[in-house]
Amino acid sequence: MGWRAAGRGRGLHLLSRIAVLSDIHGNLPALEAVIAAAERRGCDVFLNLGDSLSGPLWPVETAERLMRKDWSTIAGNHERQLLTLKRERMGASDLHAHDVLSERHMTWIAAQPATLAWSPEIFMCHGTPASDIEHFLHSVGPAGMREADDDEIVTRTGARPEAFLLCGHTHLPRAVTLADGRIVANPGSVGLQAFDDDRPWPYRVEVGDPRARYAIIEHGGIEFVAVDYDHEAAAAKAAREGREDWAQALSRGRLSA
């Protein structure tokens, strides 16, 4: 379990208990564990904030599971890259997904919007309303990644009016209640608890344990939830695919030194 944030959404008449997922990255056992946990908690609506398939795990099986669920799903930067990058320009995670996904899967991906005003109260984006690679609740600079301050976050909202602005991309659970009561929240990652990147500057993300993450919106607040699953099986699959970086991240929630 995690903590709950509340804000202007406190007075909303949301009729459902809503599960918010992001950054599944083809980790089917993590996804199945989150679905089961959320359903046990009474969630009857699921929202998916993108980066669903890319990685060395189970992109086809994850796509099939999500297509059967038919949730409200937006595209992350990895969906955009799968659709637009030439194969020779793809990173290893996109390349693995690209080479096993069918035309039917790609058609499903192509139908996903970049952002979605899901209701008058809830807005979905992967990065920020303006960009699928900009971090909403964190900022990256020459010294690495840090938590963004309220002024940075307000600028990134682009004056969206919704009570909940939901984002993914960083894989880090965090919620910020702004001065006007709007909540900007990232549920964390279902499928990958550590990674590194070199743009715009080198940085790394390490949640610190391997459990899958999601969040629940209810009664105008948001609660973060961590779920156990067979992360060692996922790590072993990554190792079989030659991705020791992923194997470390999946096994420990940290990167190797």
C-alpha atoms as a PDB file:
ATOM      1  CA  MET A   1       0.000   0.000   0.000  1.00  0.00           C
ATOM      2  CA  GLY A   2       1.014   3.602  -0.325  1.00  0.00           C
ATOM      3  CA  TRP A   3      -0.186   7.018   0.689  1.00  0.00           C
ATOM      4  CA  ARG A   4      -3.192   9.003  -0.442  1.00  0.00           C
ATOM      5  CA  ALA A   5      -3.264  12.509  -1.881  1.00  0.00           C
ATOM      6  CA  ALA A   6      -6.393  14.640  -1.960  1.00  0.00           C
ATOM      7  CA  GLY A   7      -7.278  17.961  -3.528  1.00  0.00           C
ATOM      8  CA  ARG A   8     -10.008  19.652  -5.508  1.00  0.00           C
ATOM      9  CA  GLY A   9     -11.140  16.183  -6.588  1.00  0.00           C
ATOM     10  CA  ARG A  10     -12.420  15.602  -3.040  1.00  0.00           C
ATOM     11  CA  GLY A  11     -15.839  16.901  -4.020  1.00  0.00           C
ATOM     12  CA  LEU A  12     -16.132  14.974  -7.272  1.00  0.00           C
ATOM     13  CA  HIS A  13     -18.957  12.524  -7.765  1.00  0.00           C
ATOM     14  CA  LEU A  14     -16.852   9.757  -9.286  1.00  0.00           C
ATOM     15  CA  LEU A  15     -19.062   6.692  -9.407  1.00  0.00           C
ATOM     16  CA  SER A  16     -16.282   4.178  -9.954  1.00  0.00           C
ATOM     17  CA  ARG A  17     -13.166   3.060  -8.166  1.00  0.00           C
ATOM     18  CA  ILE A  18     -10.586   3.690 -10.875  1.00  0.00           C
ATOM     19  CA  ALA A  19      -7.302   1.798 -11.303  1.00  0.00           C
ATOM     20  CA  VAL A  20      -4.564   3.808 -13.022  1.00  0.00           C
ATOM     21  CA  LEU A  21      -1.730   1.909 -14.729  1.00  0.00           C
ATOM     22  CA  SER A  22       1.304   2.993 -16.712  1.00  0.00           C
ATOM     23  CA  ASP A  23       4.541   1.686 -18.193  1.00  0.00           C
ATOM     24  CA  ILE A  24       3.667  -2.009 -18.332  1.00  0.00           C
ATOM     25  CA  HIS A  25       6.515  -2.620 -20.812  1.00  0.00           C
ATOM     26  CA  GLY A  26       5.375  -6.088 -21.786  1.00  0.00           C
ATOM     27  CA  ASN A  27       5.648  -7.460 -18.249  1.00  0.00           C
ATOM     28  CA  LEU A  28       2.684  -9.816 -18.360  1.00  0.00           C
ATOM     29  CA  PRO A  29       3.016 -11.392 -14.879  1.00  0.00           C
ATOM     30  CA  ALA A  30       3.240  -7.931 -13.318  1.00  0.00           C
ATOM     31  CA  LEU A  31       0.158  -6.842 -15.282  1.00  0.00           C
ATOM     32  CA  GLU A  32      -1.810  -9.922 -14.244  1.00  0.00           C
ATOM     33  CA  ALA A  33      -0.899  -9.346 -10.599  1.00  0.00           C
ATOM     34  CA  VAL A  34      -2.011  -5.709 -10.780  1.00  0.00           C
ATOM     35  CA  ILE A  35      -5.307  -6.596 -12.473  1.00  0.00           C
ATOM     36  CA  ALA A  36      -6.054  -9.211  -9.815  1.00  0.00           C
ATOM     37  CA  ALA A  37      -5.115  -6.850  -6.967  1.00  0.00           C
ATOM     38  CA  ALA A  38      -7.159  -3.976  -8.368  1.00  0.00           C
ATOM     39  CA  GLU A  39     -10.199  -6.163  -8.937  1.00  0.00           C
ATOM     40  CA  ARG A  40      -9.958  -7.436  -5.366  1.00  0.00           C
ATOM     41  CA  ARG A  41     -10.028  -3.778  -4.272  1.00  0.00           C
ATOM     42  CA  GLY A  42     -13.241  -3.269  -6.238  1.00  0.00           C
ATOM     43  CA  CYS A  43     -11.826  -1.326  -9.194  1.00  0.00           C
ATOM     44  CA  ASP A  44     -14.268  -1.431 -12.086  1.00  0.00           C
ATOM     45  CA  VAL A  45     -12.560   1.065 -14.413  1.00  0.00           C
ATOM     46  CA  PHE A  46      -8.952   0.812 -15.630  1.00  0.00           C
ATOM     47  CA  LEU A  47      -6.968   3.608 -17.301  1.00  0.00           C
ATOM     48  CA  ASN A  48      -3.670   2.884 -19.076  1.00  0.00           C
ATOM     49  CA  LEU A  49      -1.153   5.717 -19.565  1.00  0.00           C
ATOM     50  CA  GLY A  50       1.039   4.067 -22.200  1.00  0.00           C
ATOM     51  CA  ASP A  51       4.416   2.402 -22.816  1.00  0.00           C
ATOM     52  CA  SER A  52       2.568  -0.891 -22.714  1.00  0.00           C
ATOM     53  CA  LEU A  53       4.708  -3.262 -24.763  1.00  0.00           C
ATOM     54  CA  SER A  54       8.318  -2.284 -25.454  1.00  0.00           C
ATOM     55  CA  GLY A  55      10.954  -4.382 -23.724  1.00  0.00           C
ATOM     56  CA  PRO A  56      12.465  -7.887 -23.816  1.00  0.00           C
ATOM     57  CA  LEU A  57       9.580  -9.636 -22.049  1.00  0.00           C
ATOM     58  CA  TRP A  58       6.143 -10.587 -23.441  1.00  0.00           C
ATOM     59  CA  PRO A  59       4.946  -7.840 -25.819  1.00  0.00           C
ATOM     60  CA  VAL A  60       2.633 -10.082 -27.865  1.00  0.00           C
ATOM     61  CA  GLU A  61       0.971 -11.697 -24.869  1.00  0.00           C
ATOM     62  CA  THR A  62       0.614  -8.332 -23.144  1.00  0.00           C
ATOM     63  CA  ALA A  63      -0.917  -6.795 -26.260  1.00  0.00           C
ATOM     64  CA  GLU A  64      -3.424  -9.630 -26.507  1.00  0.00           C
ATOM     65  CA  ARG A  65      -4.383  -9.254 -22.853  1.00  0.00           C
ATOM     66  CA  LEU A  66      -4.872  -5.504 -23.160  1.00  0.00           C
ATOM     67  CA  MET A  67      -6.801  -5.784 -26.406  1.00  0.00           C
ATOM     68  CA  ARG A  68      -9.257  -8.152 -24.745  1.00  0.00           C
ATOM     69  CA  LYS A  69      -9.656  -5.727 -21.851  1.00  0.00           C
ATOM     70  CA  ASP A  70     -10.384  -2.749 -24.131  1.00  0.00           C
ATOM     71  CA  TRP A  71      -9.438  -0.173 -21.482  1.00  0.00           C
ATOM     72  CA  SER A  72      -9.050   3.524 -22.185  1.00  0.00           C
ATOM     73  CA  THR A  73      -5.408   3.498 -23.298  1.00  0.00           C
ATOM     74  CA  ILE A  74      -3.137   6.261 -24.561  1.00  0.00           C
ATOM     75  CA  ALA A  75       0.150   5.986 -26.423  1.00  0.00           C
ATOM     76  CA  GLY A  76       3.460   6.568 -24.701  1.00  0.00           C
ATOM     77  CA  ASN A  77       6.685   7.544 -26.360  1.00  0.00           C
ATOM     78  CA  HIS A  78       7.470   3.897 -27.052  1.00  0.00           C
ATOM     79  CA  GLU A  79       4.207   3.418 -28.961  1.00  0.00           C
ATOM     80  CA  ARG A  80       5.052   6.485 -31.026  1.00  0.00           C
ATOM     81  CA  GLN A  81       8.556   5.159 -31.659  1.00  0.00           C
ATOM     82  CA  LEU A  82       7.245   1.751 -32.723  1.00  0.00           C
ATOM     83  CA  LEU A  83       5.025   3.457 -35.285  1.00  0.00           C
ATOM     84  CA  THR A  84       7.419   6.097 -36.602  1.00  0.00           C
ATOM     85  CA  LEU A  85      11.053   5.032 -36.263  1.00  0.00           C
ATOM     86  CA  LYS A  86      12.846   3.026 -38.918  1.00  0.00           C
ATOM     87  CA  ARG A  87      13.923  -0.366 -37.594  1.00  0.00           C
ATOM     88  CA  GLU A  88      17.622   0.503 -37.776  1.00  0.00           C
ATOM     89  CA  ARG A  89      17.067   3.521 -35.511  1.00  0.00           C
ATOM     90  CA  MET A  90      15.173   1.651 -32.785  1.00  0.00           C
ATOM     91  CA  GLY A  91      16.595   0.920 -29.369  1.00  0.00           C
ATOM     92  CA  ALA A  92      16.740  -2.672 -28.148  1.00  0.00           C
ATOM     93  CA  SER A  93      13.433  -2.554 -26.275  1.00  0.00           C
ATOM     94  CA  ASP A  94      11.443  -1.190 -29.211  1.00  0.00           C
ATOM     95  CA  LEU A  95      13.240  -3.510 -31.602  1.00  0.00           C
ATOM     96  CA  HIS A  96      12.245  -6.610 -29.661  1.00  0.00           C
ATOM     97  CA  ALA A  97       8.600  -5.538 -29.660  1.00  0.00           C
ATOM     98  CA  HIS A  98       8.693  -4.468 -33.308  1.00  0.00           C
ATOM     99  CA  ASP A  99       9.987  -7.834 -34.464  1.00  0.00           C
ATOM    100  CA  VAL A 100       7.307  -9.936 -32.749  1.00  0.00           C
ATOM    101  CA  LEU A 101       4.177  -7.781 -32.933  1.00  0.00           C
ATOM    102  CA  SER A 102       1.749  -8.402 -35.796  1.00  0.00           C
ATOM    103  CA  GLU A 103       0.014  -5.928 -38.078  1.00  0.00           C
ATOM    104  CA  ARG A 104      -3.113  -6.369 -35.961  1.00  0.00           C
ATOM    105  CA  HIS A 105      -1.193  -5.294 -32.862  1.00  0.00           C
ATOM    106  CA  MET A 106       0.265  -2.299 -34.667  1.00  0.00           C
ATOM    107  CA  THR A 107      -3.206  -1.240 -35.792  1.00  0.00           C
ATOM    108  CA  TRP A 108      -4.322  -1.320 -32.166  1.00  0.00           C
ATOM    109  CA  ILE A 109      -1.327   0.821 -31.187  1.00  0.00           C
ATOM    110  CA  ALA A 110      -1.989   3.298 -34.001  1.00  0.00           C
ATOM    111  CA  ALA A 111      -5.517   3.903 -32.689  1.00  0.00           C
ATOM    112  CA  GLN A 112      -4.264   5.084 -29.291  1.00  0.00           C
ATOM    113  CA  PRO A 113      -4.377   8.860 -28.782  1.00  0.00           C
ATOM    114  CA  ALA A 114      -1.387  10.762 -27.420  1.00  0.00           C
ATOM    115  CA  THR A 115      -3.555  12.293 -24.674  1.00  0.00           C
ATOM    116  CA  LEU A 116      -7.135  11.839 -23.569  1.00  0.00           C
ATOM    117  CA  ALA A 117      -9.601  14.019 -21.672  1.00  0.00           C
ATOM    118  CA  TRP A 118     -11.270  10.927 -20.262  1.00  0.00           C
ATOM    119  CA  SER A 119     -13.896  12.879 -18.344  1.00  0.00           C
ATOM    120  CA  PRO A 120     -14.417  16.453 -17.164  1.00  0.00           C
ATOM    121  CA  GLU A 121     -12.440  15.475 -14.053  1.00  0.00           C
ATOM    122  CA  ILE A 122      -9.630  13.295 -15.450  1.00  0.00           C
ATOM    123  CA  PHE A 123      -6.974  14.010 -18.082  1.00  0.00           C
ATOM    124  CA  MET A 124      -4.540  11.318 -19.279  1.00  0.00           C
ATOM    125  CA  CYS A 125      -1.088  11.927 -20.731  1.00  0.00           C
ATOM    126  CA  HIS A 126       2.103   9.911 -20.814  1.00  0.00           C
ATOM    127  CA  GLY A 127       4.662  12.646 -20.202  1.00  0.00           C
ATOM    128  CA  THR A 128       2.950  16.043 -20.070  1.00  0.00           C
ATOM    129  CA  PRO A 129      -0.013  17.437 -22.022  1.00  0.00           C
ATOM    130  CA  ALA A 130       2.478  18.817 -24.558  1.00  0.00           C
ATOM    131  CA  SER A 131       5.045  16.009 -24.852  1.00  0.00           C
ATOM    132  CA  ASP A 132       5.309  12.242 -24.352  1.00  0.00           C
ATOM    133  CA  ILE A 133       8.978  12.536 -23.309  1.00  0.00           C
ATOM    134  CA  GLU A 134       8.833  15.488 -20.917  1.00  0.00           C
ATOM    135  CA  HIS A 135       8.729  14.573 -17.241  1.00  0.00           C
ATOM    136  CA  PHE A 136       5.749  16.089 -15.421  1.00  0.00           C
ATOM    137  CA  LEU A 137       6.593  15.630 -11.731  1.00  0.00           C
ATOM    138  CA  HIS A 138      10.384  15.399 -12.053  1.00  0.00           C
ATOM    139  CA  SER A 139      13.026  17.467 -13.798  1.00  0.00           C
ATOM    140  CA  VAL A 140      16.295  16.320 -15.364  1.00  0.00           C
ATOM    141  CA  GLY A 141      19.425  18.445 -15.442  1.00  0.00           C
ATOM    142  CA  PRO A 142      23.197  18.066 -15.491  1.00  0.00           C
ATOM    143  CA  ALA A 143      23.097  16.751 -11.899  1.00  0.00           C
ATOM    144  CA  GLY A 144      20.507  14.082 -12.755  1.00  0.00           C
ATOM    145  CA  MET A 145      16.843  13.790 -11.821  1.00  0.00           C
ATOM    146  CA  ARG A 146      15.074  15.654  -9.020  1.00  0.00           C
ATOM    147  CA  GLU A 147      11.486  16.258  -7.976  1.00  0.00           C
ATOM    148  CA  ALA A 148       9.958  19.169  -9.872  1.00  0.00           C
ATOM    149  CA  ASP A 149       8.727  22.140  -7.853  1.00  0.00           C
ATOM    150  CA  ASP A 150       5.175  23.463  -7.993  1.00  0.00           C
ATOM    151  CA  ASP A 151       6.018  26.271 -10.425  1.00  0.00           C
ATOM    152  CA  GLU A 152       7.499  23.805 -12.904  1.00  0.00           C
ATOM    153  CA  ILE A 153       4.517  21.503 -12.569  1.00  0.00           C
ATOM    154  CA  VAL A 154       1.978  24.305 -13.015  1.00  0.00           C
ATOM    155  CA  THR A 155       3.767  25.436 -16.190  1.00  0.00           C
ATOM    156  CA  ARG A 156       3.593  21.897 -17.561  1.00  0.00           C
ATOM    157  CA  THR A 157      -0.131  21.559 -16.945  1.00  0.00           C
ATOM    158  CA  GLY A 158      -0.766  23.925 -19.833  1.00  0.00           C
ATOM    159  CA  ALA A 159      -3.766  25.236 -17.854  1.00  0.00           C
ATOM    160  CA  ARG A 160      -5.624  21.927 -18.160  1.00  0.00           C
ATOM    161  CA  PRO A 161      -8.749  22.357 -16.013  1.00  0.00           C
ATOM    162  CA  GLU A 162      -9.287  18.758 -14.876  1.00  0.00           C
ATOM    163  CA  ALA A 163      -9.097  17.864 -11.179  1.00  0.00           C
ATOM    164  CA  PHE A 164      -6.776  14.924 -11.918  1.00  0.00           C
ATOM    165  CA  LEU A 165      -3.916  15.149 -14.406  1.00  0.00           C
ATOM    166  CA  LEU A 166      -2.496  11.628 -14.772  1.00  0.00           C
ATOM    167  CA  CYS A 167       0.949  10.940 -16.207  1.00  0.00           C
ATOM    168  CA  GLY A 168       3.530   8.175 -16.540  1.00  0.00           C
ATOM    169  CA  HIS A 169       6.964   8.007 -18.173  1.00  0.00           C
ATOM    170  CA  THR A 170       9.224   8.414 -15.120  1.00  0.00           C
ATOM    171  CA  HIS A 171       8.166   5.096 -13.514  1.00  0.00           C
ATOM    172  CA  LEU A 172       8.161   6.924 -10.155  1.00  0.00           C
ATOM    173  CA  PRO A 173       4.982   7.085  -8.047  1.00  0.00           C
ATOM    174  CA  ARG A 174       4.285  10.646  -6.975  1.00  0.00           C
ATOM    175  CA  ALA A 175       1.302  12.972  -6.528  1.00  0.00           C
ATOM    176  CA  VAL A 176       1.316  16.731  -6.078  1.00  0.00           C
ATOM    177  CA  THR A 177      -1.719  18.757  -5.041  1.00  0.00           C
ATOM    178  CA  LEU A 178      -1.406  22.212  -6.582  1.00  0.00           C
ATOM    179  CA  ALA A 179      -2.549  25.429  -4.903  1.00  0.00           C
ATOM    180  CA  ASP A 180      -5.825  25.402  -6.843  1.00  0.00           C
ATOM    181  CA  GLY A 181      -6.564  21.822  -5.734  1.00  0.00           C
ATOM    182  CA  ARG A 182      -5.708  20.027  -8.957  1.00  0.00           C
ATOM    183  CA  ILE A 183      -3.817  16.764  -8.437  1.00  0.00           C
ATOM    184  CA  VAL A 184      -1.020  15.764 -10.799  1.00  0.00           C
ATOM    185  CA  ALA A 185      -0.228  12.099 -10.255  1.00  0.00           C
ATOM    186  CA  ASN A 186       2.013   9.372 -11.631  1.00  0.00           C
ATOM    187  CA  PRO A 187       1.052   5.814 -10.579  1.00  0.00           C
ATOM    188  CA  GLY A 188       4.551   4.466 -11.131  1.00  0.00           C
ATOM    189  CA  SER A 189       5.333   1.555 -13.416  1.00  0.00           C
ATOM    190  CA  VAL A 190       3.579  -1.779 -13.594  1.00  0.00           C
ATOM    191  CA  GLY A 191       6.474  -3.482 -15.305  1.00  0.00           C
ATOM    192  CA  LEU A 192       9.906  -1.933 -14.673  1.00  0.00           C
ATOM    193  CA  GLN A 193      11.203  -0.367 -11.453  1.00  0.00           C
ATOM    194  CA  ALA A 194      14.596   0.897 -12.650  1.00  0.00           C
ATOM    195  CA  PHE A 195      16.114   2.277 -15.843  1.00  0.00           C
ATOM    196  CA  ASP A 196      18.615   4.821 -17.061  1.00  0.00           C
ATOM    197  CA  ASP A 197      18.658   7.293 -19.933  1.00  0.00           C
ATOM    198  CA  ASP A 198      21.059   9.805 -21.415  1.00  0.00           C
ATOM    199  CA  ARG A 199      18.654  12.493 -22.654  1.00  0.00           C
ATOM    200  CA  PRO A 200      18.556  15.404 -22.099  1.00  0.00           C
ATOM    201  CA  TRP A 201      21.334  14.537 -19.594  1.00  0.00           C
ATOM    202  CA  PRO A 202      22.350  11.179 -18.116  1.00  0.00           C
ATOM    203  CA  TYR A 203      20.116  10.086 -15.247  1.00  0.00           C
ATOM    204  CA  ARG A 204      18.797   6.951 -13.623  1.00  0.00           C
ATOM    205  CA  VAL A 205      15.547   5.911 -11.984  1.00  0.00           C
ATOM    206  CA  GLU A 206      15.531   3.337  -9.184  1.00  0.00           C
ATOM    207  CA  VAL A 207      12.375   2.672  -7.187  1.00  0.00           C
ATOM    208  CA  GLY A 208      14.328   0.363  -4.905  1.00  0.00           C
ATOM    209  CA  ASP A 209      12.188  -2.774  -4.875  1.00  0.00           C
ATOM    210  CA  PRO A 210      10.775  -4.933  -7.665  1.00  0.00           C
ATOM    211  CA  ARG A 211       7.050  -4.837  -6.907  1.00  0.00           C
ATOM    212  CA  ALA A 212       4.580  -3.721  -9.582  1.00  0.00           C
ATOM    213  CA  ARG A 213       2.952  -0.331  -9.085  1.00  0.00           C
ATOM    214  CA  TYR A 214      -0.455   1.158  -9.828  1.00  0.00           C
ATOM    215  CA  ALA A 215      -2.811   3.709  -8.251  1.00  0.00           C
ATOM    216  CA  ILE A 216      -6.477   3.938  -7.280  1.00  0.00           C
ATOM    217  CA  ILE A 217      -8.654   7.049  -7.629  1.00  0.00           C
ATOM    218  CA  GLU A 218     -11.578   7.122  -5.232  1.00  0.00           C
ATOM    219  CA  HIS A 219     -13.483   9.825  -3.318  1.00  0.00           C
ATOM    220  CA  GLY A 220     -11.429  12.587  -4.874  1.00  0.00           C
ATOM    221  CA  GLY A 221      -8.073  11.187  -3.725  1.00  0.00           C
ATOM    222  CA  ILE A 222      -5.404   8.916  -5.162  1.00  0.00           C
ATOM    223  CA  GLU A 223      -3.750   5.986  -3.399  1.00  0.00           C
ATOM    224  CA  PHE A 224      -0.544   4.277  -4.517  1.00  0.00           C
ATOM    225  CA  VAL A 225      -0.363   0.487  -4.382  1.00  0.00           C
ATOM    226  CA  ALA A 226       2.609  -1.908  -4.702  1.00  0.00           C
ATOM    227  CA  VAL A 227       1.930  -5.522  -5.684  1.00  0.00           C
ATOM    228  CA  ASP A 228       4.087  -8.633  -5.338  1.00  0.00           C
ATOM    229  CA  TYR A 229       4.502 -10.823  -8.411  1.00  0.00           C
ATOM    230  CA  ASP A 230       7.017 -13.361  -9.737  1.00  0.00           C
ATOM    231  CA  HIS A 231       9.603 -10.742 -10.631  1.00  0.00           C
ATOM    232  CA  GLU A 232      12.362 -13.351 -10.786  1.00  0.00           C
ATOM    233  CA  ALA A 233      10.557 -15.056 -13.680  1.00  0.00           C
ATOM    234  CA  ALA A 234      10.472 -11.710 -15.494  1.00  0.00           C
ATOM    235  CA  ALA A 235      14.165 -11.161 -14.732  1.00  0.00           C
ATOM    236  CA  ALA A 236      14.993 -14.623 -16.083  1.00  0.00           C
ATOM    237  CA  LYS A 237      13.102 -13.866 -19.306  1.00  0.00           C
ATOM    238  CA  ALA A 238      15.059 -10.631 -19.746  1.00  0.00           C
ATOM    239  CA  ALA A 239      18.327 -12.515 -19.193  1.00  0.00           C
ATOM    240  CA  ARG A 240      17.370 -15.115 -21.806  1.00  0.00           C
ATOM    241  CA  GLU A 241      16.827 -12.268 -24.260  1.00  0.00           C
ATOM    242  CA  GLY A 242      20.311 -10.904 -23.538  1.00  0.00           C
ATOM    243  CA  ARG A 243      19.133  -7.927 -21.476  1.00  0.00           C
ATOM    244  CA  GLU A 244      21.111  -8.134 -18.248  1.00  0.00           C
ATOM    245  CA  ASP A 245      20.265  -4.494 -17.544  1.00  0.00           C
ATOM    246  CA  TRP A 246      16.578  -5.366 -17.421  1.00  0.00           C
ATOM    247  CA  ALA A 247      17.283  -8.554 -15.467  1.00  0.00           C
ATOM    248  CA  GLN A 248      18.948  -6.495 -12.726  1.00  0.00           C
ATOM    249  CA  ALA A 249      16.185  -3.903 -12.695  1.00  0.00           C
ATOM    250  CA  LEU A 250      13.416  -6.508 -12.572  1.00  0.00           C
ATOM    251  CA  SER A 251      15.094  -8.573  -9.881  1.00  0.00           C
ATOM    252  CA  ARG A 252      16.117  -5.747  -7.545  1.00  0.00           C
ATOM    253  CA  GLY A 253      14.330  -2.560  -8.544  1.00  0.00           C
ATOM    254  CA  ARG A 254      17.821  -1.127  -8.924  1.00  0.00           C
ATOM    255  CA  LEU A 255      20.494  -0.982 -11.574  1.00  0.00           C
ATOM    256  CA  SER A 256      23.916  -2.531 -11.247  1.00  0.00           C
ATOM    257  CA  ALA A 257      26.599  -0.213  -9.854  1.00  0.00           C
END
